[in-house]
């Protein structure tokens, strides 16, 4: 499937017309292959450059067709072993439970990726270490250290707790769910 500027165009080989020249975002998706995303700048031909475009579009009696061919060589998606997939899932579950912002997983080199747990200096001193899947670290201890924005938080939340905001029942898509009684 081919998408141009996030709009589906069709299955390859495909052609489409366009009104304006410029940079286009092109995405090609196929099962079993890596998704190819790239930007392609489409320059106007000489007869579409102002003021020549006035002559070519209004006075020239014949149709002019500007065709562009974009060839893309797709590469096969690497097969990820089940062990690496489970290890990555366990790492994401552990990080989500600790409230750690999740980064993209590292590329898999010879089949298995070690599960790396980022260290918090208050919990585990030292560099990141590989831990077996399912290892749960204790929650971080409350810190009395100064953090950026702590003075601002003290102004707005003097007791240390943010104000509770009542639910508005607005759904993510913008819809409204009336409260159930």
Protein backbone atom coordinates (compact mmCIF):
# COMPACT_ATOMS: atom_id res chain seq x y z
CA UNK A 1 0.00 0.00 0.00
CA UNK A 2 1.30 3.46 -0.90
CA UNK A 3 0.53 6.58 1.13
CA UNK A 4 1.39 10.09 -0.12
CA UNK A 5 1.13 12.82 2.51
CA UNK A 6 -0.59 10.27 4.80
CA UNK A 7 -3.38 9.72 2.27
CA UNK A 8 -3.81 6.17 0.85
CA UNK A 9 -3.17 6.08 -2.90
CA UNK A 10 -3.46 2.38 -3.69
CA UNK A 11 -1.56 -0.87 -4.15
CA UNK A 12 1.65 -0.87 -6.18
CA UNK A 13 2.20 -0.27 -9.02
CA UNK A 14 0.15 2.89 -8.58
CA UNK A 15 -0.08 6.32 -10.15
CA UNK A 16 -1.75 9.49 -9.01
CA UNK A 17 -2.06 13.07 -10.11
CA UNK A 18 -1.05 16.11 -8.09
CA UNK A 19 -1.75 19.82 -8.24
CA UNK A 20 1.26 21.38 -6.51
CA UNK A 21 4.97 20.70 -6.73
CA UNK A 22 7.06 20.52 -3.58
CA UNK A 23 8.13 17.99 -0.96
CA UNK A 24 5.93 14.93 -0.50
CA UNK A 25 5.97 12.41 2.32
CA UNK A 26 5.81 8.92 0.83
CA UNK A 27 5.22 5.73 2.81
CA UNK A 28 5.13 2.20 1.40
CA UNK A 29 3.78 -0.63 3.58
CA UNK A 30 3.83 -4.35 2.86
CA UNK A 31 3.46 -7.34 5.19
CA UNK A 32 6.77 -9.09 5.78
CA UNK A 33 8.81 -6.07 4.66
CA UNK A 34 10.15 -2.99 6.40
CA UNK A 35 7.94 0.06 6.01
CA UNK A 36 9.72 2.58 3.80
CA UNK A 37 9.14 6.24 4.74
CA UNK A 38 10.89 9.07 2.93
CA UNK A 39 10.48 12.63 1.72
CA UNK A 40 10.75 13.32 -2.01
CA UNK A 41 11.06 16.82 -3.45
CA UNK A 42 9.25 17.15 -6.77
CA UNK A 43 10.65 20.02 -8.80
CA UNK A 44 8.48 21.63 -11.49
CA UNK A 45 9.56 21.16 -15.13
CA UNK A 46 10.85 24.19 -17.05
CA UNK A 47 7.46 24.92 -18.63
CA UNK A 48 5.80 25.23 -15.17
CA UNK A 49 8.15 27.92 -13.86
CA UNK A 50 6.57 31.42 -13.80
CA UNK A 51 6.11 33.28 -16.19
CA UNK A 52 6.51 30.36 -18.64
CA UNK A 53 3.61 28.57 -16.93
CA UNK A 54 1.19 31.20 -18.24
CA UNK A 55 2.12 30.34 -21.82
CA UNK A 56 2.18 26.56 -21.26
CA UNK A 57 -1.15 26.45 -19.40
CA UNK A 58 -3.24 29.00 -21.33
CA UNK A 59 -1.82 29.48 -24.82
CA UNK A 60 -0.32 26.07 -25.64
CA UNK A 61 -3.05 24.03 -27.38
CA UNK A 62 -1.73 20.55 -26.50
CA UNK A 63 -1.90 18.59 -23.28
CA UNK A 64 1.28 18.37 -21.24
CA UNK A 65 1.80 15.49 -18.87
CA UNK A 66 4.46 15.52 -16.18
CA UNK A 67 5.07 11.92 -15.09
CA UNK A 68 7.42 11.00 -12.27
CA UNK A 69 8.54 7.45 -11.54
CA UNK A 70 9.73 6.59 -8.04
CA UNK A 71 11.30 3.15 -7.68
CA UNK A 72 11.71 1.77 -4.16
CA UNK A 73 13.56 -1.41 -3.27
CA UNK A 74 11.96 -2.89 -0.15
CA UNK A 75 13.92 -5.10 2.24
CA UNK A 76 12.53 -8.05 4.15
CA UNK A 77 11.63 -7.55 7.80
CA UNK A 78 14.03 -9.50 10.05
CA UNK A 79 12.43 -12.34 11.97
CA UNK A 80 12.61 -11.64 15.70
CA UNK A 81 13.04 -14.75 17.85
CA UNK A 82 10.32 -15.37 20.44
CA UNK A 83 12.85 -15.14 23.30
CA UNK A 84 13.91 -11.62 22.25
CA UNK A 85 10.29 -10.56 21.88
CA UNK A 86 9.38 -11.86 25.36
CA UNK A 87 12.50 -10.22 26.86
CA UNK A 88 11.57 -6.88 25.28
CA UNK A 89 7.98 -7.19 26.57
CA UNK A 90 9.20 -7.94 30.10
CA UNK A 91 11.52 -4.92 29.97
CA UNK A 92 8.67 -2.64 28.86
CA UNK A 93 6.38 -4.02 31.58
CA UNK A 94 9.05 -3.42 34.23
CA UNK A 95 9.73 0.12 33.02
CA UNK A 96 6.03 0.96 32.87
CA UNK A 97 5.55 -0.28 36.42
CA UNK A 98 8.36 1.99 37.62
CA UNK A 99 7.07 4.99 35.66
CA UNK A 100 10.15 5.19 33.45
CA UNK A 101 9.77 6.83 30.05
CA UNK A 102 10.15 4.06 27.49
CA UNK A 103 12.65 4.42 24.66
CA UNK A 104 12.66 2.35 21.46
CA UNK A 105 14.18 -1.10 22.01
CA UNK A 106 17.80 -1.56 20.90
CA UNK A 107 18.44 -3.44 17.64
CA UNK A 108 18.67 -7.18 18.09
CA UNK A 109 22.12 -8.49 17.27
CA UNK A 110 22.54 -12.35 17.31
CA UNK A 111 19.00 -13.24 18.30
CA UNK A 112 18.77 -12.31 21.99
CA UNK A 113 18.83 -8.85 23.49
CA UNK A 114 19.77 -8.48 27.17
CA UNK A 115 17.18 -6.85 29.36
CA UNK A 116 18.69 -3.57 30.52
CA UNK A 117 17.19 -1.78 33.49
CA UNK A 118 18.13 1.88 33.77
CA UNK A 119 19.48 2.66 37.18
CA UNK A 120 18.25 5.39 39.44
CA UNK A 121 21.14 6.77 41.54
CA UNK A 122 18.91 6.64 44.64
CA UNK A 123 18.11 2.95 44.12
CA UNK A 124 21.06 1.26 42.44
CA UNK A 125 24.40 3.04 42.15
CA UNK A 126 26.53 2.20 39.13
CA UNK A 127 26.08 1.55 35.44
CA UNK A 128 23.01 -0.19 33.94
CA UNK A 129 23.08 -3.93 34.49
CA UNK A 130 21.46 -6.84 32.74
CA UNK A 131 18.76 -8.39 34.89
CA UNK A 132 16.69 -11.51 34.30
CA UNK A 133 13.12 -10.96 33.09
CA UNK A 134 10.61 -10.57 35.90
CA UNK A 135 13.02 -8.83 38.31
CA UNK A 136 11.17 -6.12 40.21
CA UNK A 137 13.05 -3.24 41.79
CA UNK A 138 11.79 -1.46 44.91
CA UNK A 139 10.15 1.93 44.36
CA UNK A 140 12.44 4.93 44.69
CA UNK A 141 12.69 6.46 48.14
CA UNK A 142 11.31 9.97 48.57
CA UNK A 143 14.05 12.50 47.97
CA UNK A 144 14.61 15.79 49.69
CA UNK A 145 16.86 16.95 46.86
CA UNK A 146 16.00 20.08 44.95
CA UNK A 147 14.53 19.38 41.54
CA UNK A 148 13.91 21.83 38.72
CA UNK A 149 10.50 23.38 39.14
CA UNK A 150 10.13 22.39 42.80
CA UNK A 151 9.82 26.04 43.86
CA UNK A 152 7.07 26.50 41.27
CA UNK A 153 5.32 23.35 42.49
CA UNK A 154 5.48 24.74 46.03
CA UNK A 155 3.65 27.87 44.88
CA UNK A 156 0.80 26.05 43.18
CA UNK A 157 0.61 22.99 45.44
CA UNK A 158 1.63 24.11 48.95
CA UNK A 159 0.66 20.77 50.53
CA UNK A 160 2.59 18.82 47.91
CA UNK A 161 -0.54 17.30 46.40
CA UNK A 162 -2.02 18.53 43.12
CA UNK A 163 -5.65 19.50 43.12
CA UNK A 164 -8.09 16.83 42.01
CA UNK A 165 -9.95 17.71 38.85
CA UNK A 166 -13.44 16.25 38.41
CA UNK A 167 -13.95 14.03 35.41
CA UNK A 168 -15.55 15.77 32.45
CA UNK A 169 -16.60 12.54 30.74
CA UNK A 170 -15.09 13.76 27.46
CA UNK A 171 -13.79 10.84 25.44
CA UNK A 172 -10.44 10.92 23.55
CA UNK A 173 -12.16 11.32 20.17
CA UNK A 174 -14.05 14.37 21.41
CA UNK A 175 -17.29 12.54 22.20
CA UNK A 176 -19.22 12.90 25.46
CA UNK A 177 -20.34 10.12 27.73
CA UNK A 178 -23.08 11.20 30.14
CA UNK A 179 -22.50 10.11 33.75
CA UNK A 180 -24.16 6.80 34.59
CA UNK A 181 -26.44 6.85 37.59
